Amino acid sequence: MARRGKATRGALPVSRARAVRAVAAAPAITFASFVSRGTSAVEKIGAIRRGMRARVLDEMVAYLAVPKSAVFALLHTPDSTAHRRIRDNRSLDAATSERVVRVADVARQAEAALGGREPATQWLRSANRALGGATPLSMLDTEPGAGEVRRILAAISHGGVF
């Protein structure tokens, strides 16, 4: 037993060993799978509470065709923290996992409104007058911003009327 209740197993403290096992035991949820299919609220909540694997950040970079720094900023995660979590195959915290799910939900709505992945990701990365010149992707770091993006996508889906 190490100092004051911090038992260790091998080189890792027990709590960290449990966290690593929990991540390894959690089903692998990819960013693309969240975008490509409607995921139930129960599944989303479970993934958020468990914490998504940090490797989902690399998947977001590839899917959205943006630099890692843009994804890390969108998720309010310092570069060093994100790189360490990816390297160590650790999970993201609940707040970051929720932002990942939010981005996937909006990407799915953009694909439906704009006719596919390429036009959707291009639109998400392009400045938008309705958002004061900001890119829709940059607005997804907060729920009010995501609500505005969803509102614009709904208008596009229904003939462009706000």
Protein backbone atom coordinates (compact mmCIF):
# COMPACT_ATOMS: atom_id res chain seq x y z
CA MET A 1 0.00 0.00 0.00
CA ALA A 2 1.37 3.37 -0.97
CA ARG A 3 0.79 6.62 0.90
CA ARG A 4 -2.69 7.20 2.39
CA GLY A 5 -4.99 4.89 0.44
CA LYS A 6 -3.22 5.11 -2.89
CA ALA A 7 -2.65 1.43 -3.45
CA THR A 8 -0.69 0.55 -6.53
CA ARG A 9 -0.82 -2.32 -8.96
CA GLY A 10 2.40 -2.62 -10.90
CA ALA A 11 3.53 0.84 -11.94
CA LEU A 12 0.06 2.42 -12.02
CA PRO A 13 -1.99 3.60 -9.03
CA VAL A 14 -5.10 1.44 -8.67
CA SER A 15 -7.42 4.29 -9.63
CA ARG A 16 -5.47 4.92 -12.84
CA ALA A 17 -5.31 1.18 -13.56
CA ARG A 18 -9.11 1.03 -13.18
CA ALA A 19 -9.49 3.99 -15.53
CA VAL A 20 -7.26 2.37 -18.15
CA ARG A 21 -9.23 -0.90 -17.89
CA ALA A 22 -12.52 0.99 -18.12
CA VAL A 23 -11.40 2.69 -21.32
CA ALA A 24 -10.19 -0.62 -22.74
CA ALA A 25 -13.50 -2.30 -21.79
CA ALA A 26 -15.70 0.47 -23.22
CA PRO A 27 -17.02 -0.21 -26.70
CA ALA A 28 -15.09 1.69 -29.36
CA ILE A 29 -17.28 4.53 -30.58
CA THR A 30 -15.96 6.34 -33.59
CA PHE A 31 -16.72 9.87 -34.65
CA ALA A 32 -17.91 8.64 -38.04
CA SER A 33 -20.34 6.21 -36.41
CA PHE A 34 -21.95 9.06 -34.46
CA VAL A 35 -22.28 11.08 -37.66
CA SER A 36 -23.45 8.29 -39.95
CA ARG A 37 -26.30 6.94 -37.86
CA GLY A 38 -28.82 8.35 -35.48
CA THR A 39 -27.56 7.46 -32.03
CA SER A 40 -30.13 7.20 -29.26
CA ALA A 41 -30.02 9.62 -26.36
CA VAL A 42 -29.29 6.71 -24.01
CA GLU A 43 -26.23 5.70 -26.06
CA LYS A 44 -25.02 9.31 -26.20
CA ILE A 45 -25.42 9.80 -22.46
CA GLY A 46 -23.58 6.55 -21.77
CA ALA A 47 -20.70 7.53 -24.04
CA ILE A 48 -20.50 10.99 -22.45
CA ARG A 49 -20.56 9.66 -18.90
CA ARG A 50 -17.96 6.96 -19.64
CA GLY A 51 -15.80 9.40 -21.53
CA MET A 52 -15.00 8.77 -25.15
CA ARG A 53 -11.57 7.46 -26.09
CA ALA A 54 -9.19 10.30 -26.85
CA ARG A 55 -8.41 8.74 -30.24
CA VAL A 56 -11.76 10.15 -31.35
CA LEU A 57 -9.91 13.49 -31.66
CA ASP A 58 -7.75 12.11 -34.48
CA GLU A 59 -10.92 10.83 -36.15
CA MET A 60 -12.49 14.29 -35.91
CA VAL A 61 -9.41 15.87 -37.51
CA ALA A 62 -9.59 13.43 -40.44
CA TYR A 63 -13.37 13.65 -40.81
CA LEU A 64 -13.57 17.45 -40.70
CA ALA A 65 -10.29 18.02 -42.58
CA VAL A 66 -9.05 20.59 -40.09
CA PRO A 67 -5.81 20.90 -38.11
CA LYS A 68 -5.59 19.20 -34.72
CA SER A 69 -5.23 22.60 -33.07
CA ALA A 70 -8.67 23.59 -34.42
CA VAL A 71 -10.30 20.49 -32.91
CA PHE A 72 -8.47 20.96 -29.59
CA ALA A 73 -9.61 24.62 -29.43
CA LEU A 74 -13.18 23.65 -30.33
CA LEU A 75 -13.19 21.14 -27.47
CA HIS A 76 -11.46 23.51 -25.01
CA THR A 77 -8.64 21.00 -24.54
CA PRO A 78 -5.02 22.15 -24.29
CA ASP A 79 -2.79 20.63 -27.00
CA SER A 80 -0.49 18.94 -24.46
CA THR A 81 -3.42 17.36 -22.61
CA ALA A 82 -5.02 16.09 -25.81
CA HIS A 83 -1.77 14.62 -27.13
CA ARG A 84 -1.08 12.90 -23.79
CA ARG A 85 -4.57 11.40 -23.62
CA ILE A 86 -4.28 10.12 -27.20
CA ARG A 87 -0.81 8.69 -26.57
CA ASP A 88 -1.90 6.98 -23.33
CA ASN A 89 -5.21 5.75 -24.85
CA ARG A 90 -7.11 7.49 -22.08
CA SER A 91 -10.67 8.71 -22.11
CA LEU A 92 -11.88 12.27 -22.42
CA ASP A 93 -13.73 13.95 -19.59
CA ALA A 94 -17.52 14.25 -19.74
CA ALA A 95 -17.56 17.89 -20.90
CA THR A 96 -15.18 17.18 -23.79
CA SER A 97 -17.07 14.00 -24.71
CA GLU A 98 -20.29 15.99 -24.81
CA ARG A 99 -18.73 18.50 -27.21
CA VAL A 100 -17.60 15.61 -29.45
CA VAL A 101 -21.18 14.29 -29.54
CA ARG A 102 -22.48 17.82 -30.27
CA VAL A 103 -20.12 18.24 -33.22
CA ALA A 104 -21.11 14.82 -34.58
CA ASP A 105 -24.83 15.63 -34.25
CA VAL A 106 -24.43 18.91 -36.13
CA ALA A 107 -22.23 17.26 -38.78
CA ARG A 108 -24.98 14.67 -39.34
CA GLN A 109 -27.58 17.45 -39.69
CA ALA A 110 -25.28 19.32 -42.11
CA GLU A 111 -24.83 16.17 -44.23
CA ALA A 112 -28.60 15.73 -44.42
CA ALA A 113 -29.21 19.39 -45.31
CA LEU A 114 -26.35 19.78 -47.78
CA GLY A 115 -26.30 16.38 -49.47
CA GLY A 116 -23.23 14.60 -48.16
CA ARG A 117 -20.03 14.68 -46.17
CA GLU A 118 -17.89 16.84 -48.49
CA PRO A 119 -20.39 19.71 -48.86
CA ALA A 120 -21.20 19.49 -45.15
CA THR A 121 -17.60 19.69 -43.95
CA GLN A 122 -16.86 22.48 -46.46
CA TRP A 123 -19.86 24.43 -45.14
CA LEU A 124 -18.84 23.85 -41.51
CA ARG A 125 -15.35 25.27 -42.26
CA SER A 126 -16.54 28.32 -44.25
CA ALA A 127 -17.33 31.77 -42.87
CA ASN A 128 -21.08 32.33 -42.62
CA ARG A 129 -22.77 35.74 -42.79
CA ALA A 130 -25.66 34.55 -40.62
CA LEU A 131 -23.08 33.86 -37.87
CA GLY A 132 -21.42 37.26 -38.16
CA GLY A 133 -18.62 35.90 -40.34
CA ALA A 134 -17.71 33.04 -37.98
CA THR A 135 -17.47 29.48 -39.25
CA PRO A 136 -20.26 27.16 -38.16
CA LEU A 137 -17.61 24.77 -36.79
CA SER A 138 -16.21 27.47 -34.49
CA MET A 139 -19.67 28.00 -32.99
CA LEU A 140 -20.03 24.39 -31.85
CA ASP A 141 -17.97 24.84 -28.69
CA THR A 142 -21.08 26.09 -26.87
CA GLU A 143 -24.67 24.88 -26.91
CA PRO A 144 -26.08 28.34 -27.80
CA GLY A 145 -23.69 28.50 -30.76
CA ALA A 146 -24.65 25.00 -31.83
CA GLY A 147 -28.31 26.02 -31.57
CA GLU A 148 -27.70 28.84 -34.04
CA VAL A 149 -25.94 26.48 -36.45
CA ARG A 150 -28.81 23.98 -36.15
CA ARG A 151 -31.30 26.79 -36.82
CA ILE A 152 -29.45 27.77 -40.02
CA LEU A 153 -29.29 24.12 -41.15
CA ALA A 154 -33.01 23.72 -40.50
CA ALA A 155 -33.66 26.81 -42.62
CA ILE A 156 -31.52 25.40 -45.43
CA SER A 157 -33.43 22.11 -45.21
CA HIS A 158 -36.75 23.94 -45.43
CA GLY A 159 -36.05 26.31 -48.30
CA GLY A 160 -33.67 28.83 -46.76
CA VAL A 161 -36.21 30.84 -44.73
CA PHE A 162 -35.06 31.86 -41.24
